[in-house]
Amino acid sequence: MNLLKKLSIMAFLFVFSLSNALAEPVDKNLPSAKDDRIILKSQIIIPPQLDSYREIGVEYVDPGYGTVKIEDVLTNEVGYINGTPRKSFTNFETFKYASILIIKAVPGLGDIYRRGEEIYNALKAIYTDLSKIDPYKRVETETKYTYRDFYHDLYVWDYSKTWKNVGYSLSRYYYKYYKIWYFNTDIGEFRWRDYAFSHQNGYPPEVIAKAPNYMKYNVLSQLAYEAWIMGRKYYETY
């Protein structure tokens, strides 16, 4: 094979591999893992400052300079925080009508309280044997919360022909964990029941500490584009 033919083949393979590397699937095979994070959603947005005739395909190789991509990313769950320690009530009625502090000082939201009846009903929906509670005997409860950070990661298609990270919007998702100790009349013993109303068990967050532009994709795309134009990064948090 002559040298010219070899060079031609090598050039073709280089261009082919580069085009594959630049292809950016959007909303395909999600959620997916990104290190210790889950990508829930990915979308491409064309800022209005750019040409209106642009169109974005699912497998778009080069979306054009200044085009914005926003990825919704959920991080790993963090251990139990700021929950109330085990609390004892003389009987089921005192527990049922008690106002229980279950988490303190959520940023932007403050302290969060739940009535004992709410905790009971949430667990009873999962464990039907809670209907066997002896209402005259002592009840104990323990409430906790875990959290996951939620990011809108902001990217702009840069002159380097890559998605350049230009910042993020950070919110926080709080998930409840309830635990109750009661006397089961069916078996004649005290028993514990507990459950994590968590992301992995299919539950939405109980409380969201929201960033100023949480879920405001059009606003975030503008902020990302402006940060890229100015050569800066944009950050916001709850």
Protein backbone atom coordinates (compact mmCIF):
# COMPACT_ATOMS: atom_id res chain seq x y z
CA MET A 1 0.00 0.00 0.00
CA ASN A 2 1.52 3.31 -1.00
CA LEU A 3 2.10 6.13 1.47
CA LEU A 4 -0.63 8.39 0.06
CA LYS A 5 -3.26 5.67 0.43
CA LYS A 6 -2.18 4.97 4.03
CA LEU A 7 -2.42 8.65 4.93
CA SER A 8 -5.91 8.88 3.39
CA ILE A 9 -7.17 5.92 5.45
CA MET A 10 -5.66 7.33 8.65
CA ALA A 11 -7.28 10.73 8.03
CA PHE A 12 -10.68 9.11 7.45
CA LEU A 13 -10.46 7.07 10.66
CA PHE A 14 -9.48 10.17 12.64
CA VAL A 15 -12.42 12.21 11.35
CA PHE A 16 -14.82 9.29 11.93
CA SER A 17 -13.68 8.80 15.54
CA LEU A 18 -13.87 12.54 16.22
CA SER A 19 -17.44 12.81 14.92
CA ASN A 20 -18.48 9.90 17.12
CA ALA A 21 -16.84 11.51 20.14
CA LEU A 22 -18.73 14.76 19.56
CA ALA A 23 -22.14 13.16 19.14
CA GLU A 24 -24.28 14.12 22.15
CA PRO A 25 -27.40 12.04 22.83
CA VAL A 26 -30.16 13.99 24.56
CA ASP A 27 -32.75 12.38 26.85
CA LYS A 28 -31.63 8.93 25.71
CA ASN A 29 -31.10 5.97 28.04
CA LEU A 30 -31.69 8.14 31.11
CA PRO A 31 -31.28 8.05 34.02
CA SER A 32 -27.63 7.13 33.75
CA ALA A 33 -24.68 7.13 36.11
CA LYS A 34 -22.14 9.93 36.12
CA ASP A 35 -19.53 8.99 38.69
CA ASP A 36 -21.57 8.93 41.93
CA ARG A 37 -24.40 10.93 40.35
CA ILE A 38 -27.55 10.09 38.42
CA ILE A 39 -28.41 12.08 35.31
CA LEU A 40 -32.20 12.40 35.41
CA LYS A 41 -32.61 14.56 32.34
CA SER A 42 -30.51 16.22 29.64
CA GLN A 43 -31.74 18.83 27.19
CA ILE A 44 -30.35 21.24 24.63
CA ILE A 45 -31.67 24.81 24.45
CA ILE A 46 -30.95 27.40 21.78
CA PRO A 47 -30.73 30.88 23.34
CA PRO A 48 -32.90 33.44 21.49
CA GLN A 49 -29.80 35.53 20.71
CA LEU A 50 -28.69 32.84 18.29
CA ASP A 51 -30.08 32.27 14.79
CA SER A 52 -33.69 31.16 14.94
CA TYR A 53 -33.29 28.68 12.06
CA ARG A 54 -31.12 26.35 14.10
CA GLU A 55 -32.58 22.95 14.80
CA ILE A 56 -31.36 20.32 17.25
CA GLY A 57 -31.56 16.62 16.46
CA VAL A 58 -31.32 13.77 18.94
CA GLU A 59 -27.86 12.83 17.66
CA TYR A 60 -26.68 16.31 16.77
CA VAL A 61 -22.92 16.37 16.16
CA ASP A 62 -22.34 20.13 16.22
CA PRO A 63 -25.19 22.18 17.73
CA GLY A 64 -23.41 25.47 17.07
CA TYR A 65 -21.39 27.79 19.26
CA GLY A 66 -23.34 29.21 22.19
CA THR A 67 -25.95 26.46 22.32
CA VAL A 68 -26.79 25.53 25.92
CA LYS A 69 -27.15 22.08 27.47
CA ILE A 70 -28.69 21.58 30.91
CA GLU A 71 -28.29 18.31 32.79
CA ASP A 72 -30.43 17.51 35.83
CA VAL A 73 -28.23 15.54 38.18
CA LEU A 74 -29.08 13.86 41.49
CA THR A 75 -26.24 12.99 43.86
CA ASN A 76 -25.93 10.10 46.28
CA GLU A 77 -27.98 10.05 49.46
CA VAL A 78 -26.33 11.52 52.53
CA GLY A 79 -26.74 9.94 55.98
CA TYR A 80 -29.47 10.82 58.43
CA ILE A 81 -29.47 14.42 59.59
CA ASN A 82 -31.08 16.66 62.20
CA GLY A 83 -33.79 14.16 63.06
CA THR A 84 -35.51 14.08 66.42
CA PRO A 85 -34.16 11.42 68.77
CA ARG A 86 -36.47 8.68 69.99
CA LYS A 87 -39.47 10.29 71.65
CA SER A 88 -41.86 8.57 74.04
CA PHE A 89 -45.61 9.12 74.44
CA THR A 90 -47.74 7.73 77.25
CA ASN A 91 -50.27 6.26 74.81
CA PHE A 92 -51.37 6.29 71.18
CA GLU A 93 -53.69 9.28 71.59
CA THR A 94 -50.93 11.51 72.98
CA PHE A 95 -48.71 10.45 70.07
CA LYS A 96 -51.46 10.93 67.51
CA TYR A 97 -52.12 14.55 68.41
CA ALA A 98 -48.55 15.57 69.19
CA SER A 99 -46.69 18.06 66.99
CA ILE A 100 -43.29 16.48 66.37
CA LEU A 101 -40.22 18.37 65.20
CA ILE A 102 -38.70 16.12 62.57
CA ILE A 103 -36.02 18.31 61.04
CA LYS A 104 -34.43 21.60 62.03
CA ALA A 105 -33.33 24.59 60.03
CA VAL A 106 -33.81 23.50 56.42
CA PRO A 107 -32.19 26.31 54.37
CA GLY A 108 -34.88 28.67 53.18
CA LEU A 109 -37.64 26.72 54.93
CA GLY A 110 -36.82 26.60 58.63
CA ASP A 111 -37.99 23.93 61.08
CA ILE A 112 -40.41 21.24 59.88
CA TYR A 113 -43.07 19.65 62.04
CA ARG A 114 -45.42 16.72 61.48
CA ARG A 115 -48.32 15.48 63.58
CA GLY A 116 -48.09 12.00 65.02
CA GLU A 117 -51.18 11.07 63.04
CA GLU A 118 -49.40 11.94 59.76
CA ILE A 119 -46.48 9.69 60.67
CA TYR A 120 -48.85 6.90 61.69
CA ASN A 121 -50.88 7.15 58.47
CA ALA A 122 -47.75 7.17 56.30
CA LEU A 123 -46.47 3.96 57.92
CA LYS A 124 -49.90 2.33 58.08
CA ALA A 125 -50.18 2.63 54.30
CA ILE A 126 -47.20 0.25 54.09
CA TYR A 127 -47.61 -1.87 57.24
CA THR A 128 -51.24 -2.81 57.77
CA ASP A 129 -50.47 -4.42 61.14
CA LEU A 130 -50.20 -0.91 62.61
CA SER A 131 -53.97 -1.16 62.91
CA LYS A 132 -53.23 -3.59 65.75
CA ILE A 133 -51.79 -0.81 67.95
CA ASP A 134 -52.98 -0.93 71.55
CA PRO A 135 -54.10 2.70 72.02
CA TYR A 136 -53.59 2.59 75.79
CA LYS A 137 -49.95 1.56 75.83
CA ARG A 138 -46.80 3.61 75.33
CA VAL A 139 -45.73 4.61 71.82
CA GLU A 140 -42.23 5.69 70.79
CA THR A 141 -41.21 7.33 67.56
CA GLU A 142 -38.04 8.35 65.80
CA THR A 143 -37.95 10.59 62.76
CA LYS A 144 -35.03 11.35 60.52
CA TYR A 145 -34.27 12.86 57.15
CA THR A 146 -31.72 12.18 54.46
CA TYR A 147 -30.91 14.45 51.58
CA ARG A 148 -29.63 14.39 48.02
CA ASP A 149 -28.24 17.41 46.23
CA PHE A 150 -29.90 18.22 42.93
CA TYR A 151 -27.98 20.12 40.25
CA HIS A 152 -28.92 21.83 37.05
CA ASP A 153 -25.45 21.53 35.47
CA LEU A 154 -24.95 24.21 32.81
CA TYR A 155 -22.93 23.69 29.61
CA VAL A 156 -22.33 25.72 26.46
CA TRP A 157 -21.01 24.42 23.12
CA ASP A 158 -17.66 26.15 22.99
CA TYR A 159 -15.23 27.10 20.23
CA SER A 160 -13.19 24.08 21.31
CA LYS A 161 -16.12 22.02 19.94
CA THR A 162 -16.89 20.56 23.35
CA TRP A 163 -19.56 21.14 25.98
CA LYS A 164 -17.93 23.63 28.34
CA ASN A 165 -19.19 23.69 31.91
CA VAL A 166 -20.21 27.22 32.86
CA GLY A 167 -21.74 26.62 36.29
CA TYR A 168 -24.73 25.13 38.06
CA SER A 169 -27.92 25.74 40.03
CA LEU A 170 -27.98 23.73 43.28
CA SER A 171 -31.09 22.64 45.17
CA ARG A 172 -31.50 20.03 47.88
CA TYR A 173 -34.01 17.17 48.19
CA TYR A 174 -35.00 15.95 51.65
CA TYR A 175 -36.46 12.45 52.15
CA LYS A 176 -38.27 11.34 55.30
CA TYR A 177 -37.59 8.29 57.45
CA TYR A 178 -40.16 7.24 60.05
CA LYS A 179 -39.85 4.70 62.85
CA ILE A 180 -42.49 3.74 65.41
CA TRP A 181 -42.47 1.40 68.43
CA TYR A 182 -45.87 0.19 69.57
CA PHE A 183 -47.67 -2.66 71.32
CA ASN A 184 -49.08 -5.11 68.78
CA THR A 185 -52.32 -6.56 70.16
CA ASP A 186 -52.24 -9.41 67.63
CA ILE A 187 -49.01 -10.89 68.99
CA GLY A 188 -48.97 -9.35 72.47
CA GLU A 189 -45.56 -7.72 72.08
CA PHE A 190 -43.95 -4.34 71.44
CA ARG A 191 -42.63 -4.09 67.88
CA TRP A 192 -40.72 -1.61 65.71
CA ARG A 193 -41.83 -0.55 62.24
CA ASP A 194 -39.80 1.78 60.08
CA TYR A 195 -39.53 2.87 56.46
CA ALA A 196 -37.42 5.20 54.35
CA PHE A 197 -39.56 7.26 51.97
CA SER A 198 -36.55 7.63 49.71
CA HIS A 199 -35.66 8.06 46.05
CA GLN A 200 -34.56 4.43 45.76
CA ASN A 201 -37.96 3.35 47.10
CA GLY A 202 -39.73 5.41 44.48
CA TYR A 203 -40.77 8.42 46.55
CA PRO A 204 -40.41 12.10 45.62
CA PRO A 205 -38.68 14.39 48.11
CA GLU A 206 -40.80 15.45 51.07
CA VAL A 207 -39.23 18.90 51.09
CA ILE A 208 -37.20 20.76 48.48
CA ALA A 209 -34.85 23.60 49.35
CA LYS A 210 -34.97 25.36 45.98
CA ALA A 211 -32.39 27.48 44.21
CA PRO A 212 -33.75 30.79 42.83
CA ASN A 213 -34.14 29.35 39.31
CA TYR A 214 -35.04 25.76 40.15
CA MET A 215 -36.65 24.16 37.06
CA LYS A 216 -36.59 27.49 35.18
CA TYR A 217 -34.77 26.15 32.15
CA ASN A 218 -35.23 29.18 29.91
CA VAL A 219 -33.84 31.51 32.57
CA LEU A 220 -30.93 29.15 33.28
CA SER A 221 -30.11 28.89 29.57
CA GLN A 222 -29.86 32.68 29.40
CA LEU A 223 -27.64 32.83 32.47
CA ALA A 224 -25.42 30.08 31.05
CA TYR A 225 -25.11 31.82 27.67
CA GLU A 226 -24.30 35.18 29.28
CA ALA A 227 -21.69 33.59 31.55
CA TRP A 228 -20.07 31.97 28.50
CA ILE A 229 -20.04 35.24 26.55
CA MET A 230 -18.40 37.03 29.50
CA GLY A 231 -15.89 34.23 30.09
CA ARG A 232 -17.26 33.61 33.57
CA LYS A 233 -19.17 30.94 35.48
CA TYR A 234 -22.60 31.20 37.04
CA TYR A 235 -23.46 29.60 40.36
CA GLU A 236 -26.58 29.72 42.51
CA THR A 237 -27.73 27.71 45.49
CA TYR A 238 -30.71 27.18 47.78
